[in-house]
Amino acid sequence: MTQIGIVGAGAGGAAATFVLDEALPDADVTVLEKSGGLCGRAATRRHEEVTYDYGANYVKDDDERVVELLTEQLDSDGLVDIPEPIYTFDEEGVVAPGREADDRKWTYRQGLTQIAKRLFGRTEATVHRRTRVESLRREDGTWSAVDTDGTEWGPFDVLVMNPPAPQTAALLQGADWESPVKEPLVEAVGSVEYRSIWTAVLGYEFELDVPYYGLVNPGKDHEVGWISREECKPGHVPDGESLLVVQASGPWSSAHYDDDPAENVAALADHAADIIDDGRLRSPAWSDHQGWRYALPEEGVETGPLDSAEQEGLYCLGDWVTGEARVHAALANGLDVGERIVNSA
């Protein structure tokens, strides 16, 4: 029986697991996830009757395989499209209509984490949450992982790395692995730059009367990069309420990442009020926040070292491999990697 280990239960890891379980029913897949949730930055929380996606906001329909996965292969119950458009705002916070697009913007009534939950739910894989991998070892042609509690996992014939590139590079750098493949791989993965994002979630007991779902700052010249309205997602926000997800720009997020969260929330609420031109938004009824240290990869990775590592049973996947910080890109890459593992079996 082929033993496969996957570090990280993000969208890419879930998609790869789905492919492996379908094509290699005799394989034993073990997933090690450091957090208590699934689907990485495609994360969902709840506050009383409110559901909100506080990391990635939705899934685009830019990849035919991902469209088929979500609409045909998986249970599509609760899969919803966001009909309202996305507008833009400039350096001065002036809002303008964006480009009209026919792209769908998908989430679920229960939130984006449903993607990974439904993918893993279709498999026989064992997912261990709150299991942070601390070190890796390559010995006698197999891989092993040790978590922060000292538990050893493996041996695995194949090891798949799903964490963000900086975390993957750190694990590979410290791995007990003698190979000419190692250093070029560590250098390639470690060179992927990331943008940090600090997010405020702002709840209000009134409805906003605006024509858009989201606002994006395409010039990247404002303290805020993105604002979206969760009430535009069917099933997320009760009637008569509003919920804004306000994501700060990369420079602002880096500069204020470790500041007092209450001060950050207040500052982003002020920015939202100015951009949307509604002073009521300065005083949310409730709030939440999240800092994403490794939120958005700025570029893809050099693929040569990754190809060489695959010859030794080590695979890397995620949106940072493609260089496109989108959920559909992570899913598509996971499908690709799963197929390559199947073809090499």
C-alpha atoms as a PDB file:
ATOM      1  CA  MET A   1       0.000   0.000   0.000  1.00  0.00           C
ATOM      2  CA  THR A   2       1.340   3.417  -0.977  1.00  0.00           C
ATOM      3  CA  GLN A   3       1.714   5.750   2.008  1.00  0.00           C
ATOM      4  CA  ILE A   4       1.170   9.430   1.210  1.00  0.00           C
ATOM      5  CA  GLY A   5       1.665  12.283   3.654  1.00  0.00           C
ATOM      6  CA  ILE A   6       0.283  15.788   3.057  1.00  0.00           C
ATOM      7  CA  VAL A   7       1.423  18.704   5.195  1.00  0.00           C
ATOM      8  CA  GLY A   8      -1.353  21.308   5.246  1.00  0.00           C
ATOM      9  CA  ALA A   9      -5.098  21.019   4.623  1.00  0.00           C
ATOM     10  CA  GLY A  10      -5.480  24.028   2.338  1.00  0.00           C
ATOM     11  CA  ALA A  11      -7.528  24.065  -0.851  1.00  0.00           C
ATOM     12  CA  GLY A  12      -4.649  22.648  -2.896  1.00  0.00           C
ATOM     13  CA  GLY A  13      -3.976  19.832  -0.437  1.00  0.00           C
ATOM     14  CA  ALA A  14      -7.683  18.973  -0.346  1.00  0.00           C
ATOM     15  CA  ALA A  15      -7.897  18.853  -4.150  1.00  0.00           C
ATOM     16  CA  ALA A  16      -4.822  16.626  -4.379  1.00  0.00           C
ATOM     17  CA  THR A  17      -6.256  14.303  -1.725  1.00  0.00           C
ATOM     18  CA  PHE A  18      -9.503  14.052  -3.701  1.00  0.00           C
ATOM     19  CA  VAL A  19      -7.627  13.016  -6.860  1.00  0.00           C
ATOM     20  CA  LEU A  20      -5.448  10.507  -5.002  1.00  0.00           C
ATOM     21  CA  ASP A  21      -8.380   8.846  -3.280  1.00  0.00           C
ATOM     22  CA  GLU A  22     -10.280   8.530  -6.562  1.00  0.00           C
ATOM     23  CA  ALA A  23      -7.367   7.170  -8.614  1.00  0.00           C
ATOM     24  CA  LEU A  24      -5.399   5.239  -5.972  1.00  0.00           C
ATOM     25  CA  PRO A  25      -8.030   3.611  -3.743  1.00  0.00           C
ATOM     26  CA  ASP A  26      -5.388   1.394  -2.127  1.00  0.00           C
ATOM     27  CA  ALA A  27      -3.256   4.363  -1.056  1.00  0.00           C
ATOM     28  CA  ASP A  28      -3.266   5.517   2.567  1.00  0.00           C
ATOM     29  CA  VAL A  29      -3.357   9.333   2.761  1.00  0.00           C
ATOM     30  CA  THR A  30      -2.520  11.160   6.003  1.00  0.00           C
ATOM     31  CA  VAL A  31      -3.042  14.935   6.235  1.00  0.00           C
ATOM     32  CA  LEU A  32      -1.308  16.969   8.958  1.00  0.00           C
ATOM     33  CA  GLU A  33      -2.850  20.417   9.555  1.00  0.00           C
ATOM     34  CA  LYS A  34      -1.458  22.885  12.105  1.00  0.00           C
ATOM     35  CA  SER A  35      -4.747  24.750  12.721  1.00  0.00           C
ATOM     36  CA  GLY A  36      -8.162  23.647  13.871  1.00  0.00           C
ATOM     37  CA  GLY A  37      -9.766  24.445  10.525  1.00  0.00           C
ATOM     38  CA  LEU A  38      -9.575  23.390   6.903  1.00  0.00           C
ATOM     39  CA  CYS A  39      -9.008  25.178   3.581  1.00  0.00           C
ATOM     40  CA  GLY A  40      -6.223  27.545   4.643  1.00  0.00           C
ATOM     41  CA  ARG A  41      -6.948  31.201   3.873  1.00  0.00           C
ATOM     42  CA  ALA A  42     -10.326  30.247   2.399  1.00  0.00           C
ATOM     43  CA  ALA A  43     -11.556  30.528   5.960  1.00  0.00           C
ATOM     44  CA  THR A  44     -14.998  30.974   7.492  1.00  0.00           C
ATOM     45  CA  ARG A  45     -16.206  32.101  10.901  1.00  0.00           C
ATOM     46  CA  ARG A  46     -19.602  32.643  12.492  1.00  0.00           C
ATOM     47  CA  HIS A  47     -20.979  35.293  14.849  1.00  0.00           C
ATOM     48  CA  GLU A  48     -24.456  34.498  16.121  1.00  0.00           C
ATOM     49  CA  GLU A  49     -26.529  34.245  12.895  1.00  0.00           C
ATOM     50  CA  VAL A  50     -23.800  35.701  10.677  1.00  0.00           C
ATOM     51  CA  THR A  51     -21.446  33.655   8.464  1.00  0.00           C
ATOM     52  CA  TYR A  52     -18.421  35.342   6.922  1.00  0.00           C
ATOM     53  CA  ASP A  53     -15.412  34.482   4.777  1.00  0.00           C
ATOM     54  CA  TYR A  54     -12.643  36.524   6.347  1.00  0.00           C
ATOM     55  CA  GLY A  55      -9.690  35.482   4.186  1.00  0.00           C
ATOM     56  CA  ALA A  56     -10.252  34.628   0.554  1.00  0.00           C
ATOM     57  CA  ASN A  57     -13.607  36.060  -0.475  1.00  0.00           C
ATOM     58  CA  TYR A  58     -14.882  33.779  -3.244  1.00  0.00           C
ATOM     59  CA  VAL A  59     -13.904  31.349  -6.006  1.00  0.00           C
ATOM     60  CA  LYS A  60     -13.686  32.549  -9.600  1.00  0.00           C
ATOM     61  CA  ASP A  61     -14.783  30.344 -12.497  1.00  0.00           C
ATOM     62  CA  ASP A  62     -11.502  30.792 -14.386  1.00  0.00           C
ATOM     63  CA  ASP A  63     -10.601  27.090 -14.610  1.00  0.00           C
ATOM     64  CA  GLU A  64     -12.863  24.531 -16.299  1.00  0.00           C
ATOM     65  CA  ARG A  65     -11.650  21.678 -14.099  1.00  0.00           C
ATOM     66  CA  VAL A  66     -12.447  23.659 -10.955  1.00  0.00           C
ATOM     67  CA  VAL A  67     -15.886  24.558 -12.316  1.00  0.00           C
ATOM     68  CA  GLU A  68     -16.571  20.871 -12.968  1.00  0.00           C
ATOM     69  CA  LEU A  69     -15.226  19.961  -9.529  1.00  0.00           C
ATOM     70  CA  LEU A  70     -17.493  22.386  -7.672  1.00  0.00           C
ATOM     71  CA  THR A  71     -20.636  22.020  -9.773  1.00  0.00           C
ATOM     72  CA  GLU A  72     -20.602  18.373 -10.852  1.00  0.00           C
ATOM     73  CA  GLN A  73     -18.187  16.207  -8.889  1.00  0.00           C
ATOM     74  CA  LEU A  74     -18.934  17.606  -5.445  1.00  0.00           C
ATOM     75  CA  ASP A  75     -22.295  18.172  -3.804  1.00  0.00           C
ATOM     76  CA  SER A  76     -23.344  21.621  -5.040  1.00  0.00           C
ATOM     77  CA  ASP A  77     -26.036  22.124  -2.410  1.00  0.00           C
ATOM     78  CA  GLY A  78     -25.538  25.593  -0.918  1.00  0.00           C
ATOM     79  CA  LEU A  79     -23.163  26.731  -3.669  1.00  0.00           C
ATOM     80  CA  VAL A  80     -24.124  30.345  -4.408  1.00  0.00           C
ATOM     81  CA  ASP A  81     -23.033  33.100  -6.774  1.00  0.00           C
ATOM     82  CA  ILE A  82     -22.565  36.730  -5.749  1.00  0.00           C
ATOM     83  CA  PRO A  83     -24.499  38.759  -8.330  1.00  0.00           C
ATOM     84  CA  GLU A  84     -23.441  42.284  -7.373  1.00  0.00           C
ATOM     85  CA  PRO A  85     -20.445  43.784  -9.236  1.00  0.00           C
ATOM     86  CA  ILE A  86     -17.045  44.889  -8.015  1.00  0.00           C
ATOM     87  CA  TYR A  87     -16.252  48.601  -8.205  1.00  0.00           C
ATOM     88  CA  THR A  88     -12.883  50.339  -7.810  1.00  0.00           C
ATOM     89  CA  PHE A  89     -11.520  53.166  -5.695  1.00  0.00           C
ATOM     90  CA  ASP A  90      -8.414  55.273  -6.179  1.00  0.00           C
ATOM     91  CA  GLU A  91      -5.707  56.797  -3.999  1.00  0.00           C
ATOM     92  CA  GLU A  92      -8.160  59.444  -2.787  1.00  0.00           C
ATOM     93  CA  GLY A  93     -10.820  56.870  -1.976  1.00  0.00           C
ATOM     94  CA  VAL A  94     -13.039  57.894  -4.881  1.00  0.00           C
ATOM     95  CA  VAL A  95     -15.314  55.035  -5.953  1.00  0.00           C
ATOM     96  CA  ALA A  96     -16.048  54.284  -9.613  1.00  0.00           C
ATOM     97  CA  PRO A  97     -17.791  51.438 -11.459  1.00  0.00           C
ATOM     98  CA  GLY A  98     -15.469  48.620 -12.380  1.00  0.00           C
ATOM     99  CA  ARG A  99     -15.371  46.595 -15.553  1.00  0.00           C
ATOM    100  CA  GLU A 100     -18.511  44.599 -16.243  1.00  0.00           C
ATOM    101  CA  ALA A 101     -17.601  40.938 -16.138  1.00  0.00           C
ATOM    102  CA  ASP A 102     -19.507  37.707 -16.584  1.00  0.00           C
ATOM    103  CA  ASP A 103     -17.260  35.824 -14.155  1.00  0.00           C
ATOM    104  CA  ARG A 104     -19.071  34.072 -11.358  1.00  0.00           C
ATOM    105  CA  LYS A 105     -18.031  34.696  -7.773  1.00  0.00           C
ATOM    106  CA  TRP A 106     -18.797  31.532  -5.808  1.00  0.00           C
ATOM    107  CA  THR A 107     -19.026  30.729  -2.152  1.00  0.00           C
ATOM    108  CA  TYR A 108     -21.317  28.531  -0.058  1.00  0.00           C
ATOM    109  CA  ARG A 109     -24.123  29.455   2.272  1.00  0.00           C
ATOM    110  CA  GLN A 110     -22.020  27.775   4.970  1.00  0.00           C
ATOM    111  CA  GLY A 111     -18.828  29.577   3.839  1.00  0.00           C
ATOM    112  CA  LEU A 112     -15.766  28.838   1.733  1.00  0.00           C
ATOM    113  CA  THR A 113     -14.388  26.205   4.098  1.00  0.00           C
ATOM    114  CA  GLN A 114     -17.024  23.932   2.577  1.00  0.00           C
ATOM    115  CA  ILE A 115     -14.641  23.388  -0.333  1.00  0.00           C
ATOM    116  CA  ALA A 116     -12.103  21.485   1.738  1.00  0.00           C
ATOM    117  CA  LYS A 117     -14.743  19.879   3.948  1.00  0.00           C
ATOM    118  CA  ARG A 118     -16.519  18.454   0.913  1.00  0.00           C
ATOM    119  CA  LEU A 119     -13.310  17.359  -0.800  1.00  0.00           C
ATOM    120  CA  PHE A 120     -11.942  15.581   2.261  1.00  0.00           C
ATOM    121  CA  GLY A 121     -15.406  14.230   3.017  1.00  0.00           C
ATOM    122  CA  ARG A 122     -15.361  12.333  -0.265  1.00  0.00           C
ATOM    123  CA  THR A 123     -12.142  10.515   0.658  1.00  0.00           C
ATOM    124  CA  GLU A 124     -10.854   7.950   3.114  1.00  0.00           C
ATOM    125  CA  ALA A 125      -7.959  10.220   4.094  1.00  0.00           C
ATOM    126  CA  THR A 126      -7.177  10.742   7.767  1.00  0.00           C
ATOM    127  CA  VAL A 127      -6.929  14.437   8.662  1.00  0.00           C
ATOM    128  CA  HIS A 128      -5.139  15.351  11.898  1.00  0.00           C
ATOM    129  CA  ARG A 129      -5.883  18.928  12.928  1.00  0.00           C
ATOM    130  CA  ARG A 130      -3.819  20.975  15.400  1.00  0.00           C
ATOM    131  CA  THR A 131      -0.791  18.990  14.309  1.00  0.00           C
ATOM    132  CA  ARG A 132       2.092  21.317  13.490  1.00  0.00           C
ATOM    133  CA  VAL A 133       4.944  19.651  11.611  1.00  0.00           C
ATOM    134  CA  GLU A 134       8.296  20.717  13.024  1.00  0.00           C
ATOM    135  CA  SER A 135      10.815  18.641  11.085  1.00  0.00           C
ATOM    136  CA  LEU A 136      11.178  16.310   8.104  1.00  0.00           C
ATOM    137  CA  ARG A 137      13.462  13.378   7.367  1.00  0.00           C
ATOM    138  CA  ARG A 138      14.305  11.425   4.229  1.00  0.00           C
ATOM    139  CA  GLU A 139      15.666   7.951   4.949  1.00  0.00           C
ATOM    140  CA  ASP A 140      15.814   4.706   2.955  1.00  0.00           C
ATOM    141  CA  GLY A 141      13.697   6.173   0.180  1.00  0.00           C
ATOM    142  CA  THR A 142      10.825   7.324   2.417  1.00  0.00           C
ATOM    143  CA  TRP A 143       9.788  10.504   4.225  1.00  0.00           C
ATOM    144  CA  SER A 144       8.889  11.059   7.865  1.00  0.00           C
ATOM    145  CA  ALA A 145       7.539  14.093   9.697  1.00  0.00           C
ATOM    146  CA  VAL A 146       7.753  14.981  13.380  1.00  0.00           C
ATOM    147  CA  ASP A 147       5.252  17.355  14.983  1.00  0.00           C
ATOM    148  CA  THR A 148       5.754  19.800  17.841  1.00  0.00           C
ATOM    149  CA  ASP A 149       4.572  17.173  20.351  1.00  0.00           C
ATOM    150  CA  GLY A 150       7.325  14.824  19.220  1.00  0.00           C
ATOM    151  CA  THR A 151       5.005  12.421  17.397  1.00  0.00           C
ATOM    152  CA  GLU A 152       6.546  10.895  14.277  1.00  0.00           C
ATOM    153  CA  TRP A 153       4.381  10.421  11.202  1.00  0.00           C
ATOM    154  CA  GLY A 154       5.209   8.085   8.345  1.00  0.00           C
ATOM    155  CA  PRO A 155       7.143   6.609   6.746  1.00  0.00           C
ATOM    156  CA  PHE A 156       5.616   8.024   3.556  1.00  0.00           C
ATOM    157  CA  ASP A 157       6.448   6.978   0.026  1.00  0.00           C
ATOM    158  CA  VAL A 158       5.290  10.422  -1.107  1.00  0.00           C
ATOM    159  CA  LEU A 159       5.301  13.697   0.840  1.00  0.00           C
ATOM    160  CA  VAL A 160       3.244  16.702  -0.316  1.00  0.00           C
ATOM    161  CA  MET A 161       3.941  20.213   1.023  1.00  0.00           C
ATOM    162  CA  ASN A 162       0.962  22.607   1.098  1.00  0.00           C
ATOM    163  CA  PRO A 163       2.034  25.406   3.531  1.00  0.00           C
ATOM    164  CA  PRO A 164       2.877  28.903   2.212  1.00  0.00           C
ATOM    165  CA  ALA A 165       6.267  29.090   0.520  1.00  0.00           C
ATOM    166  CA  PRO A 166       8.194  30.648   3.470  1.00  0.00           C
ATOM    167  CA  GLN A 167       6.986  27.944   5.848  1.00  0.00           C
ATOM    168  CA  THR A 168       7.657  25.208   3.305  1.00  0.00           C
ATOM    169  CA  ALA A 169      11.162  26.574   2.703  1.00  0.00           C
ATOM    170  CA  ALA A 170      11.914  26.613   6.444  1.00  0.00           C
ATOM    171  CA  LEU A 171      10.840  22.985   6.846  1.00  0.00           C
ATOM    172  CA  LEU A 172      12.859  21.911   3.820  1.00  0.00           C
ATOM    173  CA  GLN A 173      15.918  23.861   4.951  1.00  0.00           C
ATOM    174  CA  GLY A 174      15.907  22.056   8.301  1.00  0.00           C
ATOM    175  CA  ALA A 175      15.067  18.656   6.834  1.00  0.00           C
ATOM    176  CA  ASP A 176      17.382  15.708   7.462  1.00  0.00           C
ATOM    177  CA  TRP A 177      17.785  15.088   3.754  1.00  0.00           C
ATOM    178  CA  GLU A 178      21.026  14.524   1.909  1.00  0.00           C
ATOM    179  CA  SER A 179      20.451  15.281  -1.755  1.00  0.00           C
ATOM    180  CA  PRO A 180      21.767  17.622  -4.456  1.00  0.00           C
ATOM    181  CA  VAL A 181      18.122  18.525  -5.026  1.00  0.00           C
ATOM    182  CA  LYS A 182      17.695  20.104  -1.596  1.00  0.00           C
ATOM    183  CA  GLU A 183      19.527  23.428  -1.771  1.00  0.00           C
ATOM    184  CA  PRO A 184      18.217  24.506  -5.202  1.00  0.00           C
ATOM    185  CA  LEU A 185      14.724  23.635  -4.001  1.00  0.00           C
ATOM    186  CA  VAL A 186      15.077  25.598  -0.753  1.00  0.00           C
ATOM    187  CA  GLU A 187      16.446  28.587  -2.664  1.00  0.00           C
ATOM    188  CA  ALA A 188      13.618  28.517  -5.218  1.00  0.00           C
ATOM    189  CA  VAL A 189      10.839  28.122  -2.666  1.00  0.00           C
ATOM    190  CA  GLY A 190      12.389  30.639  -0.282  1.00  0.00           C
ATOM    191  CA  SER A 191      12.582  33.290  -2.994  1.00  0.00           C
ATOM    192  CA  VAL A 192       8.793  33.537  -3.351  1.00  0.00           C
ATOM    193  CA  GLU A 193       7.765  36.871  -1.858  1.00  0.00           C
ATOM    194  CA  TYR A 194       4.520  37.306   0.034  1.00  0.00           C
ATOM    195  CA  ARG A 195       2.228  40.181   0.905  1.00  0.00           C
ATOM    196  CA  SER A 196       0.873  40.340   4.454  1.00  0.00           C
ATOM    197  CA  ILE A 197      -2.783  41.275   4.888  1.00  0.00           C
ATOM    198  CA  TRP A 198      -4.448  42.552   8.073  1.00  0.00           C
ATOM    199  CA  THR A 199      -8.215  42.156   7.954  1.00  0.00           C
ATOM    200  CA  ALA A 200     -10.982  43.821   9.958  1.00  0.00           C
ATOM    201  CA  VAL A 201     -14.495  42.360  10.014  1.00  0.00           C
ATOM    202  CA  LEU A 202     -17.113  45.012  10.829  1.00  0.00           C
ATOM    203  CA  GLY A 203     -20.718  44.164  11.706  1.00  0.00           C
ATOM    204  CA  TYR A 204     -23.583  46.686  11.583  1.00  0.00           C
ATOM    205  CA  GLU A 205     -27.243  46.590  12.567  1.00  0.00           C
ATOM    206  CA  PHE A 206     -28.394  48.426   9.470  1.00  0.00           C
ATOM    207  CA  GLU A 207     -28.415  47.852   5.722  1.00  0.00           C
ATOM    208  CA  LEU A 208     -26.113  49.631   3.297  1.00  0.00           C
ATOM    209  CA  ASP A 209     -27.677  51.055   0.152  1.00  0.00           C
ATOM    210  CA  VAL A 210     -24.872  50.726  -2.399  1.00  0.00           C
ATOM    211  CA  PRO A 211     -24.862  48.931  -5.781  1.00  0.00           C
ATOM    212  CA  TYR A 212     -21.689  46.871  -5.423  1.00  0.00           C
ATOM    213  CA  TYR A 213     -20.488  43.747  -3.625  1.00  0.00           C
ATOM    214  CA  GLY A 214     -16.848  44.715  -3.408  1.00  0.00           C
ATOM    215  CA  LEU A 215     -14.435  47.610  -3.792  1.00  0.00           C
ATOM    216  CA  VAL A 216     -10.861  47.072  -4.963  1.00  0.00           C
ATOM    217  CA  ASN A 217      -7.954  49.500  -5.147  1.00  0.00           C
ATOM    218  CA  PRO A 218      -6.237  48.433  -8.403  1.00  0.00           C
ATOM    219  CA  GLY A 219      -3.505  51.059  -8.087  1.00  0.00           C
ATOM    220  CA  LYS A 220      -2.405  49.652  -4.715  1.00  0.00           C
ATOM    221  CA  ASP A 221      -1.943  53.235  -3.574  1.00  0.00           C
ATOM    222  CA  HIS A 222      -4.415  53.361  -0.672  1.00  0.00           C
ATOM    223  CA  GLU A 223      -4.143  52.109   2.910  1.00  0.00           C
ATOM    224  CA  VAL A 224      -7.016  49.737   2.095  1.00  0.00           C
ATOM    225  CA  GLY A 225      -6.826  47.183  -0.690  1.00  0.00           C
ATOM    226  CA  TRP A 226     -10.275  45.601  -0.590  1.00  0.00           C
ATOM    227  CA  ILE A 227     -13.717  46.014   0.991  1.00  0.00           C
ATOM    228  CA  SER A 228     -16.543  43.521   0.517  1.00  0.00           C
ATOM    229  CA  ARG A 229     -20.103  43.149   1.738  1.00  0.00           C
ATOM    230  CA  GLU A 230     -20.918  39.724   3.148  1.00  0.00           C
ATOM    231  CA  GLU A 231     -24.650  40.494   2.996  1.00  0.00           C
ATOM    232  CA  CYS A 232     -24.387  40.046  -0.784  1.00  0.00           C
ATOM    233  CA  LYS A 233     -23.710  36.344  -0.200  1.00  0.00           C
ATOM    234  CA  PRO A 234     -26.976  34.425   0.148  1.00  0.00           C
ATOM    235  CA  GLY A 235     -27.364  32.957   3.613  1.00  0.00           C
ATOM    236  CA  HIS A 236     -24.522  34.876   5.254  1.00  0.00           C
ATOM    237  CA  VAL A 237     -26.097  37.926   6.919  1.00  0.00           C
ATOM    238  CA  PRO A 238     -29.649  38.360   8.291  1.00  0.00           C
ATOM    239  CA  ASP A 239     -31.905  40.929   6.651  1.00  0.00           C
ATOM    240  CA  GLY A 240     -31.463  44.417   8.031  1.00  0.00           C
ATOM    241  CA  GLU A 241     -27.766  43.960   8.838  1.00  0.00           C
ATOM    242  CA  SER A 242     -24.472  44.602   7.049  1.00  0.00           C
ATOM    243  CA  LEU A 243     -21.020  43.093   7.368  1.00  0.00           C
ATOM    244  CA  LEU A 244     -17.870  44.531   5.829  1.00  0.00           C
ATOM    245  CA  VAL A 245     -14.631  42.629   5.331  1.00  0.00           C
ATOM    246  CA  VAL A 246     -11.910  45.293   5.098  1.00  0.00           C
ATOM    247  CA  GLN A 247      -8.466  44.146   3.995  1.00  0.00           C
ATOM    248  CA  ALA A 248      -5.619  46.595   4.450  1.00  0.00           C
ATOM    249  CA  SER A 249      -2.966  47.073   1.794  1.00  0.00           C
ATOM    250  CA  GLY A 250       0.277  45.129   1.970  1.00  0.00           C
ATOM    251  CA  PRO A 251       2.413  48.088   3.187  1.00  0.00           C
ATOM    252  CA  TRP A 252      -0.177  49.124   5.797  1.00  0.00           C
ATOM    253  CA  SER A 253      -0.559  45.534   6.982  1.00  0.00           C
ATOM    254  CA  SER A 254       3.202  45.071   7.380  1.00  0.00           C
ATOM    255  CA  ALA A 255       3.593  48.380   9.211  1.00  0.00           C
ATOM    256  CA  HIS A 256       0.714  47.709  11.634  1.00  0.00           C
ATOM    257  CA  TYR A 257       0.728  43.922  11.829  1.00  0.00           C
ATOM    258  CA  ASP A 258       1.696  43.784  15.519  1.00  0.00           C
ATOM    259  CA  ASP A 259      -0.172  46.926  16.621  1.00  0.00           C
ATOM    260  CA  ASP A 260      -3.090  46.875  19.039  1.00  0.00           C
ATOM    261  CA  PRO A 261      -5.895  45.064  17.156  1.00  0.00           C
ATOM    262  CA  ALA A 262      -8.539  47.461  18.488  1.00  0.00           C
ATOM    263  CA  GLU A 263      -6.631  50.405  17.057  1.00  0.00           C
ATOM    264  CA  ASN A 264      -6.249  48.645  13.709  1.00  0.00           C
ATOM    265  CA  VAL A 265      -9.962  47.835  13.572  1.00  0.00           C
ATOM    266  CA  ALA A 266     -10.843  51.451  14.359  1.00  0.00           C
ATOM    267  CA  ALA A 267      -8.472  52.764  11.697  1.00  0.00           C
ATOM    268  CA  LEU A 268      -9.855  50.443   9.016  1.00  0.00           C
ATOM    269  CA  ALA A 269     -13.433  51.286  10.018  1.00  0.00           C
ATOM    270  CA  ASP A 270     -12.573  54.966   9.518  1.00  0.00           C
ATOM    271  CA  HIS A 271     -11.129  54.232   6.081  1.00  0.00           C
ATOM    272  CA  ALA A 272     -14.235  52.219   5.117  1.00  0.00           C
ATOM    273  CA  ALA A 273     -16.490  55.070   6.248  1.00  0.00           C
ATOM    274  CA  ASP A 274     -14.538  57.541   4.129  1.00  0.00           C
ATOM    275  CA  ILE A 275     -14.447  55.350   1.022  1.00  0.00           C
ATOM    276  CA  ILE A 276     -18.126  54.339   1.166  1.00  0.00           C
ATOM    277  CA  ASP A 277     -19.067  57.852   2.333  1.00  0.00           C
ATOM    278  CA  ASP A 278     -21.137  56.752   5.298  1.00  0.00           C
ATOM    279  CA  GLY A 279     -20.120  58.031   8.734  1.00  0.00           C
ATOM    280  CA  ARG A 280     -22.121  55.315  10.489  1.00  0.00           C
ATOM    281  CA  LEU A 281     -19.462  52.807   9.471  1.00  0.00           C
ATOM    282  CA  ARG A 282     -16.990  54.287  11.980  1.00  0.00           C
ATOM    283  CA  SER A 283     -18.872  52.573  14.811  1.00  0.00           C
ATOM    284  CA  PRO A 284     -19.528  48.873  14.149  1.00  0.00           C
ATOM    285  CA  ALA A 285     -21.854  46.989  16.469  1.00  0.00           C
ATOM    286  CA  TRP A 286     -19.260  44.223  16.668  1.00  0.00           C
ATOM    287  CA  SER A 287     -15.946  43.379  15.027  1.00  0.00           C
ATOM    288  CA  ASP A 288     -13.439  40.644  14.404  1.00  0.00           C
ATOM    289  CA  HIS A 289      -9.963  40.639  12.918  1.00  0.00           C
ATOM    290  CA  GLN A 290      -7.263  38.415  11.471  1.00  0.00           C
ATOM    291  CA  GLY A 291      -3.682  38.945  10.425  1.00  0.00           C
ATOM    292  CA  TRP A 292      -2.431  36.850   7.547  1.00  0.00           C
ATOM    293  CA  ARG A 293       1.368  36.939   7.652  1.00  0.00           C
ATOM    294  CA  TYR A 294       1.665  34.976   4.410  1.00  0.00           C
ATOM    295  CA  ALA A 295      -1.494  35.998   2.599  1.00  0.00           C
ATOM    296  CA  LEU A 296      -0.766  36.575  -1.078  1.00  0.00           C
ATOM    297  CA  PRO A 297       2.204  35.302  -3.102  1.00  0.00           C
ATOM    298  CA  GLU A 298       3.564  38.037  -5.343  1.00  0.00           C
ATOM    299  CA  GLU A 299       4.924  35.604  -7.922  1.00  0.00           C
ATOM    300  CA  GLY A 300       5.271  31.944  -8.807  1.00  0.00           C
ATOM    301  CA  VAL A 301       8.192  29.648  -8.118  1.00  0.00           C
ATOM    302  CA  GLU A 302      10.915  28.387 -10.439  1.00  0.00           C
ATOM    303  CA  THR A 303       9.600  24.992 -11.443  1.00  0.00           C
ATOM    304  CA  GLY A 304      12.853  23.194 -12.269  1.00  0.00           C
ATOM    305  CA  PRO A 305      13.825  22.464  -8.651  1.00  0.00           C
ATOM    306  CA  LEU A 306      10.261  21.353  -7.896  1.00  0.00           C
ATOM    307  CA  ASP A 307      10.367  18.908 -10.801  1.00  0.00           C
ATOM    308  CA  SER A 308      13.667  17.485  -9.525  1.00  0.00           C
ATOM    309  CA  ALA A 309      12.259  17.038  -6.016  1.00  0.00           C
ATOM    310  CA  GLU A 310       9.351  15.043  -7.389  1.00  0.00           C
ATOM    311  CA  GLN A 311      11.844  12.399  -8.490  1.00  0.00           C
ATOM    312  CA  GLU A 312      12.498  11.859  -4.770  1.00  0.00           C
ATOM    313  CA  GLY A 313       8.833  11.664  -3.820  1.00  0.00           C
ATOM    314  CA  LEU A 314       8.503  15.275  -2.658  1.00  0.00           C
ATOM    315  CA  TYR A 315       5.787  17.507  -4.143  1.00  0.00           C
ATOM    316  CA  CYS A 316       4.934  21.154  -3.501  1.00  0.00           C
ATOM    317  CA  LEU A 317       1.539  22.687  -4.202  1.00  0.00           C
ATOM    318  CA  GLY A 318      -0.523  25.792  -3.596  1.00  0.00           C
ATOM    319  CA  ASP A 319      -1.291  29.139  -5.167  1.00  0.00           C
ATOM    320  CA  TRP A 320       2.355  30.150  -4.669  1.00  0.00           C
ATOM    321  CA  VAL A 321       3.418  27.465  -7.140  1.00  0.00           C
ATOM    322  CA  THR A 322       1.320  29.087  -9.859  1.00  0.00           C
ATOM    323  CA  GLY A 323       1.915  32.644  -8.674  1.00  0.00           C
ATOM    324  CA  GLU A 324      -1.793  33.446  -8.741  1.00  0.00           C
ATOM    325  CA  ALA A 325      -3.230  34.222  -5.304  1.00  0.00           C
ATOM    326  CA  ARG A 326      -6.668  32.796  -5.962  1.00  0.00           C
ATOM    327  CA  VAL A 327      -8.607  29.847  -4.552  1.00  0.00           C
ATOM    328  CA  HIS A 328      -9.287  28.442  -8.003  1.00  0.00           C
ATOM    329  CA  ALA A 329      -5.535  28.526  -8.748  1.00  0.00           C
ATOM    330  CA  ALA A 330      -4.770  26.557  -5.584  1.00  0.00           C
ATOM    331  CA  LEU A 331      -7.471  24.024  -6.429  1.00  0.00           C
ATOM    332  CA  ALA A 332      -6.258  23.655 -10.004  1.00  0.00           C
ATOM    333  CA  ASN A 333      -2.679  23.164  -8.845  1.00  0.00           C
ATOM    334  CA  GLY A 334      -3.822  20.551  -6.342  1.00  0.00           C
ATOM    335  CA  LEU A 335      -5.589  18.655  -9.110  1.00  0.00           C
ATOM    336  CA  ASP A 336      -2.429  18.825 -11.233  1.00  0.00           C
ATOM    337  CA  VAL A 337      -0.168  17.590  -8.452  1.00  0.00           C
ATOM    338  CA  GLY A 338      -2.551  14.786  -7.550  1.00  0.00           C
ATOM    339  CA  GLU A 339      -2.549  13.619 -11.155  1.00  0.00           C
ATOM    340  CA  ARG A 340       1.259  13.690 -11.332  1.00  0.00           C
ATOM    341  CA  ILE A 341       1.509  11.564  -8.208  1.00  0.00           C
ATOM    342  CA  VAL A 342      -0.976   9.101  -9.690  1.00  0.00           C
ATOM    343  CA  ASN A 343       0.978   8.929 -12.935  1.00  0.00           C
ATOM    344  CA  SER A 344       4.231   8.269 -11.075  1.00  0.00           C
ATOM    345  CA  ALA A 345       2.760   5.495  -8.927  1.00  0.00           C
END
